[in-house]
Amino acid sequence: MKGETIGTKPEASIVSLRTALAAACLLVPMAIPLGASAQTLSFAEAYDRIAKSCGSDIDKYCSKVSLGGGAIKACLDRNQAKLSAGCKSASAETFQSLAKRAIAQATAVKVCERDVGEYCRGVQPHDGYQLQCLLTASKVVSSACKQVIVDAGWN
């Protein structure tokens, strides 16, 4: 039947897809062009951009702030009026991109659910196989699914 996953319950399939997509972010580097618009920044790219553009501002206004848990972002937000123009611009763009990536990763399973059911029926929902299937089928996968994969950083 179209849209059914063979051999698993739908709830189990969704949970497994979510796990596989999350793992794929770390384990499955893909270079298949999807034809979707620009990618979001990776955490490493975001760190580099903030360090380069806001390093002196962070030293000046946030030197006693710990690095984890969003503390640097909160400090930059608190000191927004004092930040250099380059830091203001880079931090706004960077944090917007990271938020977009987080939203894409959180919604990818739901956005691509129909595509997985249609084009990846029977594909094992672990170890990134369903993501690999979607990337391989990129010419027929919905534009929304393609875009969420790009935005999530999984392409």
N, C-alpha and C. Protein backbone atom coordinates (compact mmCIF):
# COMPACT_ATOMS: atom_id res chain seq x y z
N MET A 1 0.82 -1.17 0.00
CA MET A 1 0.00 0.00 0.00
C MET A 1 0.88 1.25 0.00
N LYS A 2 0.56 2.23 -0.82
CA LYS A 2 1.36 3.44 -0.93
C LYS A 2 1.41 4.17 0.41
N GLY A 3 2.62 4.62 0.83
CA GLY A 3 2.76 5.37 2.05
C GLY A 3 3.00 4.53 3.30
N GLU A 4 2.93 3.22 3.20
CA GLU A 4 3.15 2.37 4.36
C GLU A 4 4.61 1.94 4.41
N THR A 5 5.11 1.82 5.62
CA THR A 5 6.43 1.27 5.82
C THR A 5 6.27 -0.22 6.07
N ILE A 6 7.02 -1.01 5.36
CA ILE A 6 6.89 -2.46 5.44
C ILE A 6 7.52 -2.96 6.74
N GLY A 7 6.76 -3.77 7.47
CA GLY A 7 7.30 -4.48 8.62
C GLY A 7 7.43 -3.69 9.90
N THR A 8 6.95 -2.45 9.97
CA THR A 8 7.03 -1.70 11.21
C THR A 8 5.74 -0.96 11.44
N LYS A 9 5.49 -0.60 12.69
CA LYS A 9 4.34 0.23 13.02
C LYS A 9 4.69 1.66 12.63
N PRO A 10 3.71 2.48 12.21
CA PRO A 10 4.00 3.85 11.81
C PRO A 10 4.71 4.65 12.90
N GLU A 11 4.28 4.50 14.17
CA GLU A 11 4.91 5.25 15.26
C GLU A 11 6.38 4.86 15.41
N ALA A 12 6.66 3.57 15.32
CA ALA A 12 8.04 3.09 15.43
C ALA A 12 8.87 3.60 14.27
N SER A 13 8.27 3.65 13.10
CA SER A 13 8.98 4.14 11.93
C SER A 13 9.36 5.60 12.08
N ILE A 14 8.43 6.41 12.60
CA ILE A 14 8.70 7.84 12.78
C ILE A 14 9.80 8.05 13.81
N VAL A 15 9.73 7.33 14.93
CA VAL A 15 10.77 7.44 15.94
C VAL A 15 12.11 7.00 15.37
N SER A 16 12.11 5.91 14.62
CA SER A 16 13.35 5.42 14.03
C SER A 16 13.88 6.40 13.00
N LEU A 17 12.99 7.01 12.21
CA LEU A 17 13.44 7.99 11.23
C LEU A 17 14.04 9.19 11.93
N ARG A 18 13.40 9.64 13.01
CA ARG A 18 13.93 10.78 13.76
C ARG A 18 15.33 10.46 14.27
N THR A 19 15.51 9.27 14.82
CA THR A 19 16.81 8.85 15.32
C THR A 19 17.82 8.77 14.18
N ALA A 20 17.40 8.20 13.07
CA ALA A 20 18.30 8.06 11.92
C ALA A 20 18.69 9.41 11.35
N LEU A 21 17.72 10.32 11.26
CA LEU A 21 18.05 11.64 10.73
C LEU A 21 19.00 12.38 11.66
N ALA A 22 18.78 12.25 12.96
CA ALA A 22 19.68 12.89 13.91
C ALA A 22 21.09 12.30 13.80
N ALA A 23 21.17 10.98 13.71
CA ALA A 23 22.47 10.33 13.57
C ALA A 23 23.12 10.68 12.23
N ALA A 24 22.30 10.81 11.22
CA ALA A 24 22.83 11.10 9.89
C ALA A 24 23.50 12.46 9.85
N CYS A 25 23.04 13.36 10.66
CA CYS A 25 23.67 14.68 10.71
C CYS A 25 25.15 14.54 11.05
N LEU A 26 25.47 13.56 11.88
CA LEU A 26 26.85 13.34 12.28
C LEU A 26 27.56 12.27 11.46
N LEU A 27 26.81 11.29 10.95
CA LEU A 27 27.44 10.12 10.37
C LEU A 27 27.40 10.02 8.85
N VAL A 28 26.54 10.76 8.20
CA VAL A 28 26.35 10.56 6.77
C VAL A 28 26.64 11.85 6.00
N PRO A 29 27.90 12.15 5.72
CA PRO A 29 28.17 13.33 4.92
C PRO A 29 27.77 13.07 3.47
N MET A 30 26.89 13.91 2.96
CA MET A 30 26.37 13.73 1.61
C MET A 30 26.80 14.90 0.74
N ALA A 31 27.05 14.62 -0.52
CA ALA A 31 27.41 15.67 -1.46
C ALA A 31 26.49 15.67 -2.67
N ILE A 32 25.29 15.14 -2.52
CA ILE A 32 24.35 15.08 -3.62
C ILE A 32 23.63 16.41 -3.71
N PRO A 33 23.71 17.10 -4.84
CA PRO A 33 23.04 18.39 -4.94
C PRO A 33 21.52 18.21 -4.90
N LEU A 34 20.87 19.05 -4.11
CA LEU A 34 19.43 18.93 -3.97
C LEU A 34 18.68 20.04 -4.69
N GLY A 35 19.34 21.05 -5.17
CA GLY A 35 18.66 22.12 -5.86
C GLY A 35 17.85 23.01 -4.94
N ALA A 36 18.14 23.02 -3.66
CA ALA A 36 17.44 23.88 -2.72
C ALA A 36 18.32 25.10 -2.43
N SER A 37 17.74 26.09 -1.82
CA SER A 37 18.48 27.33 -1.58
C SER A 37 19.55 27.16 -0.52
N ALA A 38 20.28 28.22 -0.26
CA ALA A 38 21.48 28.22 0.56
C ALA A 38 21.33 27.48 1.88
N GLN A 39 22.43 26.88 2.29
CA GLN A 39 22.46 26.10 3.52
C GLN A 39 22.53 27.01 4.74
N THR A 40 22.16 26.43 5.87
CA THR A 40 22.36 27.09 7.15
C THR A 40 23.80 26.84 7.57
N LEU A 41 24.24 27.55 8.58
CA LEU A 41 25.60 27.39 9.07
C LEU A 41 25.70 26.18 10.00
N SER A 42 26.83 25.50 9.94
CA SER A 42 27.09 24.45 10.92
C SER A 42 27.52 25.13 12.21
N PHE A 43 27.54 24.39 13.31
CA PHE A 43 27.97 24.98 14.57
C PHE A 43 29.43 25.42 14.50
N ALA A 44 30.27 24.67 13.81
CA ALA A 44 31.67 25.05 13.66
C ALA A 44 31.80 26.35 12.87
N GLU A 45 31.04 26.46 11.78
CA GLU A 45 31.07 27.69 10.98
C GLU A 45 30.55 28.88 11.78
N ALA A 46 29.50 28.64 12.55
CA ALA A 46 28.93 29.71 13.38
C ALA A 46 29.94 30.16 14.43
N TYR A 47 30.60 29.21 15.07
CA TYR A 47 31.62 29.53 16.07
C TYR A 47 32.72 30.38 15.44
N ASP A 48 33.21 29.94 14.28
CA ASP A 48 34.27 30.68 13.59
C ASP A 48 33.83 32.09 13.22
N ARG A 49 32.61 32.22 12.72
CA ARG A 49 32.10 33.53 12.32
C ARG A 49 31.98 34.47 13.52
N ILE A 50 31.43 33.96 14.62
CA ILE A 50 31.28 34.78 15.82
C ILE A 50 32.65 35.14 16.39
N ALA A 51 33.56 34.18 16.43
CA ALA A 51 34.90 34.45 16.95
C ALA A 51 35.60 35.52 16.12
N LYS A 52 35.49 35.43 14.80
CA LYS A 52 36.15 36.38 13.91
C LYS A 52 35.51 37.77 14.00
N SER A 53 34.19 37.82 13.95
CA SER A 53 33.49 39.10 13.88
C SER A 53 33.27 39.75 15.24
N CYS A 54 33.21 38.95 16.29
CA CYS A 54 32.84 39.47 17.60
C CYS A 54 33.91 39.25 18.67
N GLY A 55 35.07 38.75 18.28
CA GLY A 55 36.11 38.42 19.26
C GLY A 55 36.44 39.56 20.20
N SER A 56 36.68 40.75 19.65
CA SER A 56 37.04 41.88 20.51
C SER A 56 35.86 42.32 21.37
N ASP A 57 34.65 42.25 20.83
CA ASP A 57 33.46 42.60 21.62
C ASP A 57 33.25 41.59 22.74
N ILE A 58 33.47 40.32 22.46
CA ILE A 58 33.33 39.28 23.49
C ILE A 58 34.38 39.49 24.57
N ASP A 59 35.63 39.80 24.18
CA ASP A 59 36.68 40.08 25.16
C ASP A 59 36.30 41.27 26.04
N LYS A 60 35.72 42.28 25.43
CA LYS A 60 35.39 43.52 26.14
C LYS A 60 34.17 43.36 27.05
N TYR A 61 33.10 42.74 26.55
CA TYR A 61 31.82 42.73 27.28
C TYR A 61 31.43 41.38 27.89
N CYS A 62 32.07 40.31 27.43
CA CYS A 62 31.62 38.97 27.84
C CYS A 62 32.75 38.09 28.36
N SER A 63 33.85 38.68 28.79
CA SER A 63 35.02 37.89 29.16
C SER A 63 34.79 36.98 30.36
N LYS A 64 33.85 37.31 31.22
CA LYS A 64 33.59 36.49 32.41
C LYS A 64 32.44 35.50 32.20
N VAL A 65 31.92 35.45 30.98
CA VAL A 65 30.78 34.58 30.67
C VAL A 65 31.28 33.22 30.21
N SER A 66 30.65 32.15 30.70
CA SER A 66 31.03 30.81 30.25
C SER A 66 30.59 30.62 28.80
N LEU A 67 31.23 29.71 28.10
CA LEU A 67 30.96 29.51 26.68
C LEU A 67 29.69 28.71 26.40
N GLY A 68 29.27 27.86 27.30
CA GLY A 68 28.14 26.97 27.02
C GLY A 68 26.78 27.53 27.35
N GLY A 69 25.77 26.82 26.89
CA GLY A 69 24.39 27.11 27.27
C GLY A 69 23.81 28.40 26.74
N GLY A 70 24.36 28.93 25.67
CA GLY A 70 23.81 30.15 25.10
C GLY A 70 24.23 31.42 25.83
N ALA A 71 25.20 31.31 26.73
CA ALA A 71 25.61 32.46 27.54
C ALA A 71 26.24 33.57 26.70
N ILE A 72 27.03 33.21 25.70
CA ILE A 72 27.65 34.23 24.84
C ILE A 72 26.58 34.97 24.05
N LYS A 73 25.63 34.25 23.50
CA LYS A 73 24.54 34.90 22.77
C LYS A 73 23.78 35.85 23.69
N ALA A 74 23.46 35.39 24.90
CA ALA A 74 22.75 36.24 25.86
C ALA A 74 23.56 37.49 26.19
N CYS A 75 24.86 37.33 26.36
CA CYS A 75 25.72 38.47 26.65
C CYS A 75 25.76 39.45 25.48
N LEU A 76 25.89 38.92 24.27
CA LEU A 76 25.89 39.79 23.09
C LEU A 76 24.54 40.51 22.96
N ASP A 77 23.46 39.80 23.25
CA ASP A 77 22.13 40.42 23.20
C ASP A 77 22.01 41.54 24.23
N ARG A 78 22.51 41.30 25.45
CA ARG A 78 22.45 42.32 26.51
C ARG A 78 23.26 43.56 26.15
N ASN A 79 24.34 43.36 25.43
CA ASN A 79 25.24 44.46 25.09
C ASN A 79 25.08 44.93 23.65
N GLN A 80 23.97 44.63 23.04
CA GLN A 80 23.72 44.93 21.62
C GLN A 80 24.07 46.37 21.25
N ALA A 81 23.69 47.32 22.07
CA ALA A 81 23.91 48.75 21.77
C ALA A 81 25.40 49.11 21.73
N LYS A 82 26.23 48.35 22.41
CA LYS A 82 27.66 48.65 22.49
C LYS A 82 28.50 47.90 21.46
N LEU A 83 27.93 46.92 20.79
CA LEU A 83 28.70 46.06 19.88
C LEU A 83 29.11 46.80 18.61
N SER A 84 30.23 46.37 18.04
CA SER A 84 30.68 46.91 16.76
C SER A 84 29.66 46.55 15.68
N ALA A 85 29.64 47.34 14.63
CA ALA A 85 28.69 47.09 13.53
C ALA A 85 28.90 45.70 12.93
N GLY A 86 30.15 45.30 12.75
CA GLY A 86 30.45 43.98 12.19
C GLY A 86 29.94 42.85 13.06
N CYS A 87 30.08 43.00 14.37
CA CYS A 87 29.60 41.98 15.30
C CYS A 87 28.08 41.94 15.31
N LYS A 88 27.45 43.10 15.31
CA LYS A 88 25.97 43.14 15.29
C LYS A 88 25.44 42.39 14.07
N SER A 89 26.00 42.69 12.93
CA SER A 89 25.55 42.08 11.68
C SER A 89 25.82 40.57 11.67
N ALA A 90 27.05 40.20 11.98
CA ALA A 90 27.44 38.78 11.95
C ALA A 90 26.68 37.97 12.98
N SER A 91 26.50 38.51 14.18
CA SER A 91 25.81 37.73 15.21
C SER A 91 24.33 37.56 14.85
N ALA A 92 23.70 38.60 14.33
CA ALA A 92 22.29 38.48 13.93
C ALA A 92 22.12 37.42 12.85
N GLU A 93 22.96 37.46 11.81
CA GLU A 93 22.88 36.49 10.72
C GLU A 93 23.20 35.07 11.22
N THR A 94 24.22 34.97 12.05
CA THR A 94 24.67 33.67 12.54
C THR A 94 23.62 33.00 13.42
N PHE A 95 23.09 33.74 14.38
CA PHE A 95 22.10 33.15 15.28
C PHE A 95 20.79 32.87 14.56
N GLN A 96 20.46 33.66 13.56
CA GLN A 96 19.27 33.38 12.75
C GLN A 96 19.46 32.08 11.97
N SER A 97 20.65 31.88 11.41
CA SER A 97 20.94 30.66 10.66
C SER A 97 20.91 29.43 11.58
N LEU A 98 21.47 29.55 12.77
CA LEU A 98 21.45 28.43 13.72
C LEU A 98 20.02 28.10 14.15
N ALA A 99 19.20 29.11 14.34
CA ALA A 99 17.80 28.87 14.70
C ALA A 99 17.07 28.16 13.56
N LYS A 100 17.35 28.59 12.33
CA LYS A 100 16.73 27.95 11.17
C LYS A 100 17.16 26.49 11.08
N ARG A 101 18.42 26.20 11.35
CA ARG A 101 18.92 24.83 11.32
C ARG A 101 18.23 23.99 12.40
N ALA A 102 18.11 24.53 13.59
CA ALA A 102 17.48 23.79 14.69
C ALA A 102 16.01 23.48 14.37
N ILE A 103 15.31 24.45 13.80
CA ILE A 103 13.91 24.23 13.42
C ILE A 103 13.81 23.16 12.34
N ALA A 104 14.70 23.23 11.36
CA ALA A 104 14.69 22.24 10.28
C ALA A 104 14.95 20.84 10.82
N GLN A 105 15.91 20.71 11.73
CA GLN A 105 16.20 19.40 12.30
C GLN A 105 15.03 18.87 13.11
N ALA A 106 14.33 19.77 13.80
CA ALA A 106 13.19 19.35 14.61
C ALA A 106 11.97 18.97 13.77
N THR A 107 11.85 19.55 12.58
CA THR A 107 10.65 19.32 11.76
C THR A 107 10.88 18.40 10.57
N ALA A 108 12.10 17.98 10.33
CA ALA A 108 12.43 17.20 9.13
C ALA A 108 11.62 15.92 9.01
N VAL A 109 11.45 15.22 10.10
CA VAL A 109 10.72 13.95 10.06
C VAL A 109 9.30 14.19 9.55
N LYS A 110 8.64 15.18 10.09
CA LYS A 110 7.26 15.47 9.69
C LYS A 110 7.21 15.95 8.24
N VAL A 111 8.11 16.85 7.87
CA VAL A 111 8.11 17.41 6.52
C VAL A 111 8.35 16.32 5.47
N CYS A 112 9.24 15.38 5.77
CA CYS A 112 9.62 14.35 4.79
C CYS A 112 8.85 13.04 4.95
N GLU A 113 7.93 12.98 5.88
CA GLU A 113 7.21 11.74 6.16
C GLU A 113 6.53 11.15 4.92
N ARG A 114 5.85 11.98 4.14
CA ARG A 114 5.17 11.50 2.93
C ARG A 114 6.18 10.99 1.91
N ASP A 115 7.29 11.70 1.75
CA ASP A 115 8.32 11.30 0.79
C ASP A 115 8.95 9.96 1.19
N VAL A 116 9.20 9.77 2.48
CA VAL A 116 9.76 8.50 2.95
C VAL A 116 8.77 7.38 2.64
N GLY A 117 7.49 7.61 2.92
CA GLY A 117 6.48 6.60 2.66
C GLY A 117 6.33 6.28 1.19
N GLU A 118 6.51 7.28 0.35
CA GLU A 118 6.32 7.07 -1.09
C GLU A 118 7.57 6.53 -1.78
N TYR A 119 8.73 7.06 -1.47
CA TYR A 119 9.95 6.72 -2.22
C TYR A 119 10.91 5.80 -1.48
N CYS A 120 10.72 5.63 -0.18
CA CYS A 120 11.68 4.85 0.60
C CYS A 120 10.99 3.72 1.37
N ARG A 121 9.88 3.27 0.87
CA ARG A 121 9.14 2.17 1.49
C ARG A 121 10.06 0.95 1.60
N GLY A 122 10.11 0.37 2.77
CA GLY A 122 10.91 -0.82 2.98
C GLY A 122 12.36 -0.55 3.35
N VAL A 123 12.79 0.70 3.26
CA VAL A 123 14.16 1.05 3.64
C VAL A 123 14.25 1.03 5.16
N GLN A 124 15.27 0.38 5.68
CA GLN A 124 15.43 0.26 7.12
C GLN A 124 15.59 1.63 7.77
N PRO A 125 14.82 1.90 8.83
CA PRO A 125 14.85 3.21 9.46
C PRO A 125 15.95 3.36 10.51
N HIS A 126 17.18 3.08 10.14
CA HIS A 126 18.29 3.28 11.06
C HIS A 126 19.56 3.52 10.27
N ASP A 127 20.56 4.01 10.94
CA ASP A 127 21.88 4.26 10.36
C ASP A 127 21.84 5.18 9.14
N GLY A 128 20.86 6.05 9.06
CA GLY A 128 20.81 7.02 7.98
C GLY A 128 20.33 6.50 6.64
N TYR A 129 19.82 5.26 6.60
CA TYR A 129 19.40 4.69 5.33
C TYR A 129 18.24 5.45 4.70
N GLN A 130 17.28 5.91 5.51
CA GLN A 130 16.16 6.65 4.94
C GLN A 130 16.62 8.01 4.42
N LEU A 131 17.53 8.65 5.12
CA LEU A 131 18.08 9.91 4.62
C LEU A 131 18.82 9.67 3.31
N GLN A 132 19.63 8.62 3.27
CA GLN A 132 20.34 8.27 2.03
C GLN A 132 19.35 8.05 0.90
N CYS A 133 18.25 7.37 1.19
CA CYS A 133 17.22 7.12 0.18
C CYS A 133 16.65 8.44 -0.32
N LEU A 134 16.32 9.35 0.59
CA LEU A 134 15.76 10.65 0.18
C LEU A 134 16.76 11.43 -0.67
N LEU A 135 18.02 11.38 -0.30
CA LEU A 135 19.04 12.09 -1.08
C LEU A 135 19.20 11.46 -2.46
N THR A 136 19.15 10.14 -2.53
CA THR A 136 19.26 9.45 -3.81
C THR A 136 18.06 9.76 -4.70
N ALA A 137 16.90 9.90 -4.09
CA ALA A 137 15.66 10.17 -4.83
C ALA A 137 15.39 11.67 -4.95
N SER A 138 16.41 12.49 -4.82
CA SER A 138 16.22 13.94 -4.74
C SER A 138 15.49 14.55 -5.94
N LYS A 139 15.54 13.90 -7.09
CA LYS A 139 14.85 14.45 -8.27
C LYS A 139 13.34 14.36 -8.15
N VAL A 140 12.84 13.44 -7.33
CA VAL A 140 11.39 13.27 -7.19
C VAL A 140 10.87 13.63 -5.80
N VAL A 141 11.75 13.84 -4.85
CA VAL A 141 11.35 14.20 -3.50
C VAL A 141 10.75 15.61 -3.52
N SER A 142 9.77 15.86 -2.67
CA SER A 142 9.11 17.17 -2.64
C SER A 142 10.11 18.28 -2.34
N SER A 143 9.82 19.46 -2.85
CA SER A 143 10.71 20.60 -2.63
C SER A 143 10.80 20.95 -1.15
N ALA A 144 9.72 20.77 -0.41
CA ALA A 144 9.75 21.05 1.03
C ALA A 144 10.71 20.11 1.75
N CYS A 145 10.70 18.83 1.38
CA CYS A 145 11.61 17.86 1.99
C CYS A 145 13.05 18.18 1.61
N LYS A 146 13.29 18.48 0.34
CA LYS A 146 14.64 18.86 -0.09
C LYS A 146 15.15 20.04 0.73
N GLN A 147 14.30 21.05 0.87
CA GLN A 147 14.72 22.27 1.56
C GLN A 147 15.00 22.01 3.04
N VAL A 148 14.16 21.22 3.70
CA VAL A 148 14.38 20.95 5.12
C VAL A 148 15.67 20.15 5.32
N ILE A 149 16.01 19.26 4.39
CA ILE A 149 17.27 18.52 4.48
C ILE A 149 18.45 19.47 4.35
N VAL A 150 18.37 20.41 3.42
CA VAL A 150 19.44 21.40 3.25
C VAL A 150 19.53 22.27 4.50
N ASP A 151 18.40 22.79 4.95
CA ASP A 151 18.39 23.67 6.12
C ASP A 151 18.88 22.96 7.38
N ALA A 152 18.62 21.66 7.48
CA ALA A 152 19.07 20.88 8.63
C ALA A 152 20.57 20.58 8.56
N GLY A 153 21.17 20.79 7.39
CA GLY A 153 22.60 20.52 7.23
C GLY A 153 22.92 19.08 6.91
N TRP A 154 21.95 18.36 6.38
CA TRP A 154 22.11 16.93 6.13
C TRP A 154 22.35 16.59 4.68
N ASN A 155 22.61 17.56 3.85
CA ASN A 155 22.82 17.28 2.43
C ASN A 155 24.28 17.06 2.11
